[in-house]
Amino acid sequence: GSHGISAGGFSLLAVAFAAQISTDQMLIAMSCGMAAQGMNAFLYLANYTLVVQQPTNPNYASQRWPCGFSAWRRPFMWINIFWVVLPAYVVAESLILAGGGGGIF
């Protein structure tokens, strides 16, 4: 809920600042948006770690719905890892480009 709204709001603000070619404000807004998205994914992963241990939960690790080590056998886990890694990459790449380092590409 609130993390998603924060991520979307700050990202929209970053796009508005980018359209105005206001680099410093865009970087700040984008960093806040990506941090909110990263926090959202991190909290989801932490919560999921708890629910797979509850026998009454539909996500409980069983023979029919195995988890594996760190839930690697569940496809959505890769999506959540993506949502943790991608915001960090976007912020790092943008800061490198803004600093004149030429970026990764």
Protein backbone atom coordinates (compact mmCIF):
# COMPACT_ATOMS: atom_id res chain seq x y z
CA GLY A 1 0.00 0.00 0.00
CA SER A 2 1.91 3.00 1.29
CA HIS A 3 5.27 1.94 -0.14
CA GLY A 4 3.73 1.46 -3.57
CA ILE A 5 2.10 4.88 -3.44
CA SER A 6 5.39 6.43 -2.31
CA ALA A 7 7.34 4.67 -5.05
CA GLY A 8 4.86 5.71 -7.72
CA GLY A 9 4.55 9.28 -6.46
CA PHE A 10 8.26 9.91 -6.23
CA SER A 11 8.84 8.25 -9.62
CA LEU A 12 6.20 10.47 -11.21
CA LEU A 13 7.84 13.48 -9.60
CA ALA A 14 11.21 12.32 -11.00
CA VAL A 15 9.72 12.15 -14.51
CA ALA A 16 8.34 15.68 -14.10
CA PHE A 17 11.75 16.96 -12.95
CA ALA A 18 13.46 15.15 -15.84
CA ALA A 19 11.09 16.84 -18.29
CA GLN A 20 12.12 20.19 -16.81
CA ILE A 21 15.80 19.17 -17.04
CA SER A 22 16.19 19.62 -13.30
CA THR A 23 18.81 16.93 -12.73
CA ASP A 24 19.46 17.35 -9.00
CA GLN A 25 15.77 17.30 -8.10
CA MET A 26 15.18 14.40 -10.48
CA LEU A 27 17.94 12.35 -8.85
CA ILE A 28 16.56 13.04 -5.38
CA ALA A 29 12.98 12.15 -6.35
CA MET A 30 14.12 9.06 -8.27
CA SER A 31 16.27 7.88 -5.36
CA CYS A 32 13.31 8.24 -3.00
CA GLY A 33 11.04 6.36 -5.42
CA MET A 34 13.51 3.55 -5.94
CA ALA A 35 14.21 3.34 -2.20
CA ALA A 36 10.47 3.00 -1.54
CA GLN A 37 10.23 0.26 -4.18
CA GLY A 38 13.24 -1.55 -2.73
CA MET A 39 11.77 -1.31 0.77
CA ASN A 40 8.45 -2.65 -0.49
CA ALA A 41 10.13 -5.70 -2.04
CA PHE A 42 12.33 -6.24 1.01
CA LEU A 43 9.34 -6.14 3.39
CA TYR A 44 7.43 -8.54 1.15
CA LEU A 45 10.34 -10.99 1.16
CA ALA A 46 10.66 -10.74 4.94
CA ASN A 47 6.94 -11.38 5.40
CA TYR A 48 7.01 -14.30 2.98
CA THR A 49 9.82 -15.86 4.99
CA LEU A 50 7.43 -15.95 7.94
CA VAL A 51 4.29 -17.21 6.16
CA VAL A 52 5.97 -20.23 4.53
CA GLN A 53 6.50 -21.55 8.06
CA GLN A 54 2.80 -21.38 9.03
CA PRO A 55 0.97 -24.67 8.27
CA THR A 56 -2.39 -22.89 7.92
CA ASN A 57 -1.07 -20.45 5.29
CA PRO A 58 -1.65 -21.27 1.58
CA ASN A 59 2.04 -20.48 0.93
CA TYR A 60 3.23 -23.07 3.44
CA ALA A 61 6.21 -25.04 2.13
CA SER A 62 5.05 -28.60 1.40
CA GLN A 63 5.73 -31.46 -1.01
CA ARG A 64 3.07 -30.09 -3.40
CA TRP A 65 4.35 -26.50 -3.15
CA PRO A 66 8.08 -26.72 -2.36
CA CYS A 67 10.12 -23.68 -1.46
CA GLY A 68 13.69 -24.83 -1.60
CA PHE A 69 16.50 -22.88 0.01
CA SER A 70 15.47 -19.22 0.34
CA ALA A 71 12.34 -19.93 -1.76
CA TRP A 72 14.43 -20.26 -4.93
CA ARG A 73 11.92 -22.78 -6.32
CA ARG A 74 9.12 -20.22 -6.37
CA PRO A 75 9.09 -18.11 -9.56
CA PHE A 76 7.87 -14.92 -7.88
CA MET A 77 11.00 -14.95 -5.72
CA TRP A 78 13.02 -14.04 -8.80
CA ILE A 79 10.62 -11.18 -9.49
CA ASN A 80 11.11 -9.84 -5.98
CA ILE A 81 14.87 -10.14 -6.26
CA PHE A 82 14.56 -8.18 -9.51
CA TRP A 83 12.57 -5.48 -7.63
CA VAL A 84 15.35 -5.21 -5.05
CA VAL A 85 18.26 -5.20 -7.51
CA LEU A 86 16.79 -2.99 -10.24
CA PRO A 87 16.16 0.09 -8.05
CA ALA A 88 19.73 -0.09 -6.74
CA TYR A 89 21.04 -0.39 -10.30
CA VAL A 90 18.94 2.55 -11.55
CA VAL A 91 20.09 4.83 -8.73
CA ALA A 92 23.75 3.82 -9.10
CA GLU A 93 23.70 4.24 -12.89
CA SER A 94 22.00 7.64 -12.65
CA LEU A 95 24.43 8.88 -10.04
CA ILE A 96 27.40 7.71 -12.13
CA LEU A 97 26.01 9.47 -15.21
CA ALA A 98 25.23 12.63 -13.24
CA GLY A 99 28.76 12.66 -11.87
CA GLY A 100 30.24 12.58 -15.36
CA GLY A 101 31.60 9.06 -15.00
CA GLY A 102 30.11 7.96 -18.30
CA GLY A 103 27.81 5.38 -16.80
CA ILE A 104 28.00 1.64 -17.09
CA PHE A 105 26.96 1.58 -20.78
